[in-house]
Every structure is written in structure tokens, then in C-alpha cells.
PDB file of all heavy atoms in Angstrom:
ATOM      1  N   PRO A   1      98.631  24.536 313.709  1.00  0.00           N
ATOM      2  CA  PRO A   1      99.280  25.024 312.545  1.00  0.00           C
ATOM      3  C   PRO A   1      99.925  26.398 312.861  1.00  0.00           C
ATOM      4  O   PRO A   1      99.424  27.187 313.572  1.00  0.00           O
ATOM      5  CB  PRO A   1      98.182  25.236 311.537  1.00  0.00           C
ATOM      6  CG  PRO A   1      96.967  25.191 312.348  1.00  0.00           C
ATOM      7  CD  PRO A   1      97.225  24.429 313.647  1.00  0.00           C
ATOM      8  N   LYS A   2     101.103  26.647 312.269  1.00  0.00           N
ATOM      9  CA  LYS A   2     101.800  27.883 312.395  1.00  0.00           C
ATOM     10  C   LYS A   2     101.267  28.896 311.406  1.00  0.00           C
ATOM     11  O   LYS A   2     101.090  28.598 310.301  1.00  0.00           O
ATOM     12  CB  LYS A   2     103.294  27.682 312.281  1.00  0.00           C
ATOM     13  CG  LYS A   2     103.969  26.791 313.306  1.00  0.00           C
ATOM     14  CD  LYS A   2     105.416  26.658 313.037  1.00  0.00           C
ATOM     15  CE  LYS A   2     106.004  25.744 314.133  1.00  0.00           C
ATOM     16  NZ  LYS A   2     107.434  25.562 313.922  1.00  0.00           N
ATOM     17  N   PRO A   3     101.106  30.154 311.863  1.00  0.00           N
ATOM     18  CA  PRO A   3     100.689  31.148 310.945  1.00  0.00           C
ATOM     19  C   PRO A   3     101.736  31.508 309.940  1.00  0.00           C
ATOM     20  O   PRO A   3     102.946  31.419 310.257  1.00  0.00           O
ATOM     21  CB  PRO A   3     100.406  32.393 311.893  1.00  0.00           C
ATOM     22  CG  PRO A   3     101.117  32.151 313.137  1.00  0.00           C
ATOM     23  CD  PRO A   3     101.247  30.628 313.243  1.00  0.00           C
ATOM     24  N   ALA A   4     101.422  31.806 308.730  1.00  0.00           N
ATOM     25  CA  ALA A   4     102.318  32.299 307.780  1.00  0.00           C
ATOM     26  C   ALA A   4     103.085  33.467 308.250  1.00  0.00           C
ATOM     27  O   ALA A   4     102.431  34.455 308.654  1.00  0.00           O
ATOM     28  CB  ALA A   4     101.602  32.447 306.416  1.00  0.00           C
ATOM     29  N   GLU A   5     104.397  33.423 308.072  1.00  0.00           N
ATOM     30  CA  GLU A   5     105.172  34.605 308.499  1.00  0.00           C
ATOM     31  C   GLU A   5     105.440  35.498 307.315  1.00  0.00           C
ATOM     32  O   GLU A   5     105.699  35.039 306.196  1.00  0.00           O
ATOM     33  CB  GLU A   5     106.490  34.131 309.052  1.00  0.00           C
ATOM     34  CG  GLU A   5     106.372  33.413 310.374  1.00  0.00           C
ATOM     35  CD  GLU A   5     107.687  33.033 310.947  1.00  0.00           C
ATOM     36  OE1 GLU A   5     108.722  33.657 310.695  1.00  0.00           O
ATOM     37  OE2 GLU A   5     107.772  32.086 311.720  1.00  0.00           O
ATOM     38  N   GLU A   6     105.295  36.759 307.526  1.00  0.00           N
ATOM     39  CA  GLU A   6     105.574  37.844 306.515  1.00  0.00           C
ATOM     40  C   GLU A   6     107.067  38.012 306.504  1.00  0.00           C
ATOM     41  O   GLU A   6     107.700  37.958 307.516  1.00  0.00           O
ATOM     42  CB  GLU A   6     104.919  39.161 306.865  1.00  0.00           C
ATOM     43  CG  GLU A   6     103.665  39.396 306.056  1.00  0.00           C
ATOM     44  CD  GLU A   6     103.135  40.808 306.335  1.00  0.00           C
ATOM     45  OE1 GLU A   6     103.716  41.741 305.770  1.00  0.00           O
ATOM     46  OE2 GLU A   6     102.199  40.968 307.044  1.00  0.00           O
ATOM     47  N   PRO A   7     107.646  38.219 305.318  1.00  0.00           N
ATOM     48  CA  PRO A   7     109.031  38.504 305.318  1.00  0.00           C
ATOM     49  C   PRO A   7     109.300  39.811 306.007  1.00  0.00           C
ATOM     50  O   PRO A   7     108.439  40.779 305.958  1.00  0.00           O
ATOM     51  CB  PRO A   7     109.358  38.599 303.826  1.00  0.00           C
ATOM     52  CG  PRO A   7     108.069  38.376 303.066  1.00  0.00           C
ATOM     53  CD  PRO A   7     107.000  38.205 303.975  1.00  0.00           C
ATOM     54  N   PRO A   8     110.438  39.966 306.686  1.00  0.00           N
ATOM     55  CA  PRO A   8     110.698  41.175 307.458  1.00  0.00           C
ATOM     56  C   PRO A   8     110.666  42.448 306.584  1.00  0.00           C
ATOM     57  O   PRO A   8     110.215  43.547 307.066  1.00  0.00           O
ATOM     58  CB  PRO A   8     112.085  40.993 307.961  1.00  0.00           C
ATOM     59  CG  PRO A   8     112.272  39.525 307.953  1.00  0.00           C
ATOM     60  CD  PRO A   8     111.482  39.005 306.807  1.00  0.00           C
ATOM     61  N   ALA A   9     111.012  42.446 305.328  1.00  0.00           N
ATOM     62  CA  ALA A   9     110.990  43.687 304.508  1.00  0.00           C
ATOM     63  C   ALA A   9     109.549  44.105 304.273  1.00  0.00           C
ATOM     64  O   ALA A   9     109.288  45.270 304.344  1.00  0.00           O
ATOM     65  CB  ALA A   9     111.660  43.370 303.184  1.00  0.00           C
ATOM     66  N   ALA A  10     108.605  43.177 304.172  1.00  0.00           N
ATOM     67  CA  ALA A  10     107.266  43.604 304.025  1.00  0.00           C
ATOM     68  C   ALA A  10     106.647  44.194 305.272  1.00  0.00           C
ATOM     69  O   ALA A  10     105.930  45.164 305.169  1.00  0.00           O
ATOM     70  CB  ALA A  10     106.437  42.368 303.514  1.00  0.00           C
ATOM     71  N   VAL A  11     107.076  43.639 306.461  1.00  0.00           N
ATOM     72  CA  VAL A  11     106.613  44.232 307.662  1.00  0.00           C
ATOM     73  C   VAL A  11     107.191  45.609 307.865  1.00  0.00           C
ATOM     74  O   VAL A  11     106.456  46.548 308.226  1.00  0.00           O
ATOM     75  CB  VAL A  11     106.991  43.368 308.823  1.00  0.00           C
ATOM     76  CG1 VAL A  11     106.729  43.985 310.201  1.00  0.00           C
ATOM     77  CG2 VAL A  11     106.362  42.010 308.768  1.00  0.00           C
ATOM     78  N   GLU A  12     108.443  45.813 307.527  1.00  0.00           N
ATOM     79  CA  GLU A  12     108.976  47.099 307.689  1.00  0.00           C
ATOM     80  C   GLU A  12     108.353  48.082 306.743  1.00  0.00           C
ATOM     81  O   GLU A  12     108.153  49.308 307.124  1.00  0.00           O
ATOM     82  CB  GLU A  12     110.541  46.995 307.347  1.00  0.00           C
ATOM     83  CG  GLU A  12     111.331  48.287 307.609  1.00  0.00           C
ATOM     84  CD  GLU A  12     112.805  48.110 307.435  1.00  0.00           C
ATOM     85  OE1 GLU A  12     113.321  46.985 307.856  1.00  0.00           O
ATOM     86  OE2 GLU A  12     113.447  49.055 306.954  1.00  0.00           O
ATOM     87  N   GLU A  13     108.132  47.678 305.512  1.00  0.00           N
ATOM     88  CA  GLU A  13     107.448  48.605 304.533  1.00  0.00           C
ATOM     89  C   GLU A  13     106.113  48.973 305.018  1.00  0.00           C
ATOM     90  O   GLU A  13     105.697  50.144 304.899  1.00  0.00           O
ATOM     91  CB  GLU A  13     107.390  47.871 303.154  1.00  0.00           C
ATOM     92  CG  GLU A  13     106.870  48.805 302.057  1.00  0.00           C
ATOM     93  CD  GLU A  13     106.903  48.054 300.692  1.00  0.00           C
ATOM     94  OE1 GLU A  13     107.844  47.315 300.422  1.00  0.00           O
ATOM     95  OE2 GLU A  13     105.964  48.229 299.964  1.00  0.00           O
ATOM     96  N   THR A  14     105.385  48.005 305.572  1.00  0.00           N
ATOM     97  CA  THR A  14     104.032  48.288 306.076  1.00  0.00           C
ATOM     98  C   THR A  14     104.103  49.315 307.259  1.00  0.00           C
ATOM     99  O   THR A  14     103.277  50.198 307.334  1.00  0.00           O
ATOM    100  CB  THR A  14     103.321  47.016 306.521  1.00  0.00           C
ATOM    101  OG1 THR A  14     103.341  46.069 305.517  1.00  0.00           O
ATOM    102  CG2 THR A  14     101.954  47.220 307.007  1.00  0.00           C
ATOM    103  N   VAL A  15     105.067  49.106 308.160  1.00  0.00           N
ATOM    104  CA  VAL A  15     105.233  50.044 309.215  1.00  0.00           C
ATOM    105  C   VAL A  15     105.590  51.426 308.697  1.00  0.00           C
ATOM    106  O   VAL A  15     105.041  52.434 309.152  1.00  0.00           O
ATOM    107  CB  VAL A  15     106.323  49.508 310.239  1.00  0.00           C
ATOM    108  CG1 VAL A  15     106.664  50.638 311.237  1.00  0.00           C
ATOM    109  CG2 VAL A  15     105.844  48.307 310.944  1.00  0.00           C
ATOM    110  N   ASN A  16     106.485  51.502 307.742  1.00  0.00           N
ATOM    111  CA  ASN A  16     106.908  52.810 307.118  1.00  0.00           C
ATOM    112  C   ASN A  16     105.669  53.505 306.478  1.00  0.00           C
ATOM    113  O   ASN A  16     105.440  54.676 306.625  1.00  0.00           O
ATOM    114  CB  ASN A  16     108.003  52.645 306.143  1.00  0.00           C
ATOM    115  CG  ASN A  16     109.327  52.375 306.782  1.00  0.00           C
ATOM    116  OD1 ASN A  16     109.533  52.675 307.986  1.00  0.00           O
ATOM    117  ND2 ASN A  16     110.240  51.786 306.032  1.00  0.00           N
ATOM    118  N   ASP A  17     104.825  52.709 305.776  1.00  0.00           N
ATOM    119  CA  ASP A  17     103.613  53.265 305.204  1.00  0.00           C
ATOM    120  C   ASP A  17     102.695  53.861 306.250  1.00  0.00           C
ATOM    121  O   ASP A  17     102.128  54.951 306.095  1.00  0.00           O
ATOM    122  CB  ASP A  17     102.894  52.207 304.296  1.00  0.00           C
ATOM    123  CG  ASP A  17     103.676  51.838 303.057  1.00  0.00           C
ATOM    124  OD1 ASP A  17     104.631  52.571 302.704  1.00  0.00           O
ATOM    125  OD2 ASP A  17     103.422  50.797 302.499  1.00  0.00           O
ATOM    126  N   ALA A  18     102.615  53.087 307.315  1.00  0.00           N
ATOM    127  CA  ALA A  18     101.703  53.518 308.475  1.00  0.00           C
ATOM    128  C   ALA A  18     102.195  54.818 309.057  1.00  0.00           C
ATOM    129  O   ALA A  18     101.426  55.723 309.339  1.00  0.00           O
ATOM    130  CB  ALA A  18     101.474  52.448 309.471  1.00  0.00           C
ATOM    131  N   VAL A  19     103.523  54.923 309.229  1.00  0.00           N
ATOM    132  CA  VAL A  19     104.102  56.107 309.774  1.00  0.00           C
ATOM    133  C   VAL A  19     103.922  57.298 308.859  1.00  0.00           C
ATOM    134  O   VAL A  19     103.538  58.404 309.308  1.00  0.00           O
ATOM    135  CB  VAL A  19     105.671  55.916 310.107  1.00  0.00           C
ATOM    136  CG1 VAL A  19     106.334  57.180 310.406  1.00  0.00           C
ATOM    137  CG2 VAL A  19     105.819  54.957 311.248  1.00  0.00           C
ATOM    138  N   ASP A  20     104.135  57.082 307.580  1.00  0.00           N
ATOM    139  CA  ASP A  20     103.900  58.114 306.608  1.00  0.00           C
ATOM    140  C   ASP A  20     102.462  58.604 306.610  1.00  0.00           C
ATOM    141  O   ASP A  20     102.143  59.863 306.507  1.00  0.00           O
ATOM    142  CB  ASP A  20     104.282  57.677 305.186  1.00  0.00           C
ATOM    143  CG  ASP A  20     105.770  57.472 305.039  1.00  0.00           C
ATOM    144  OD1 ASP A  20     106.557  57.965 305.876  1.00  0.00           O
ATOM    145  OD2 ASP A  20     106.158  56.755 304.071  1.00  0.00           O
ATOM    146  N   ALA A  21     101.486  57.705 306.659  1.00  0.00           N
ATOM    147  CA  ALA A  21     100.112  58.012 306.594  1.00  0.00           C
ATOM    148  C   ALA A  21      99.758  58.804 307.921  1.00  0.00           C
ATOM    149  O   ALA A  21      99.016  59.790 307.858  1.00  0.00           O
ATOM    150  CB  ALA A  21      99.237  56.808 306.455  1.00  0.00           C
ATOM    151  N   THR A  22     100.274  58.467 309.045  1.00  0.00           N
ATOM    152  CA  THR A  22     100.031  59.057 310.285  1.00  0.00           C
ATOM    153  C   THR A  22     100.562  60.459 310.269  1.00  0.00           C
ATOM    154  O   THR A  22      99.966  61.523 310.702  1.00  0.00           O
ATOM    155  CB  THR A  22     100.655  58.276 311.437  1.00  0.00           C
ATOM    156  OG1 THR A  22     100.069  57.029 311.512  1.00  0.00           O
ATOM    157  CG2 THR A  22     100.367  58.989 312.753  1.00  0.00           C
ATOM    158  N   THR A  23     101.804  60.635 309.632  1.00  0.00           N
ATOM    159  CA  THR A  23     102.400  61.993 309.582  1.00  0.00           C
ATOM    160  C   THR A  23     101.596  62.923 308.683  1.00  0.00           C
ATOM    161  O   THR A  23     101.370  64.086 308.995  1.00  0.00           O
ATOM    162  CB  THR A  23     103.838  61.844 309.064  1.00  0.00           C
ATOM    163  OG1 THR A  23     104.609  60.956 309.901  1.00  0.00           O
ATOM    164  CG2 THR A  23     104.521  63.192 308.972  1.00  0.00           C
ATOM    165  N   GLU A  24     101.108  62.345 307.576  1.00  0.00           N
ATOM    166  CA  GLU A  24     100.292  63.158 306.638  1.00  0.00           C
ATOM    167  C   GLU A  24      98.996  63.540 307.315  1.00  0.00           C
ATOM    168  O   GLU A  24      98.506  64.722 307.182  1.00  0.00           O
ATOM    169  CB  GLU A  24      99.991  62.376 305.369  1.00  0.00           C
ATOM    170  CG  GLU A  24     101.213  62.262 304.419  1.00  0.00           C
ATOM    171  CD  GLU A  24     100.952  61.325 303.250  1.00  0.00           C
ATOM    172  OE1 GLU A  24      99.822  61.044 302.987  1.00  0.00           O
ATOM    173  OE2 GLU A  24     101.950  60.973 302.623  1.00  0.00           O
ATOM    174  N   ALA A  25      98.427  62.677 308.074  1.00  0.00           N
ATOM    175  CA  ALA A  25      97.108  62.997 308.721  1.00  0.00           C
ATOM    176  C   ALA A  25      97.436  64.035 309.802  1.00  0.00           C
ATOM    177  O   ALA A  25      96.572  64.885 309.918  1.00  0.00           O
ATOM    178  CB  ALA A  25      96.542  61.695 309.387  1.00  0.00           C
TER     179      ALA A  25
END
């Protein structure tokens, strides 16, 4: 079975959130 793929926008948003959290930390 193939894993469910996240839409690219959601992945980009998650990466941006991680970058923001890292910058704040």
C-alpha cells in the first residue's frame, strides 16, 4: 500500500512553522 501523500502546500506550511519555531527558540 502507498502511504497517503500530503499536499505540497501543507508540507511547505509545516516546514515554515518549524523554521519559525526554530528561529524563535
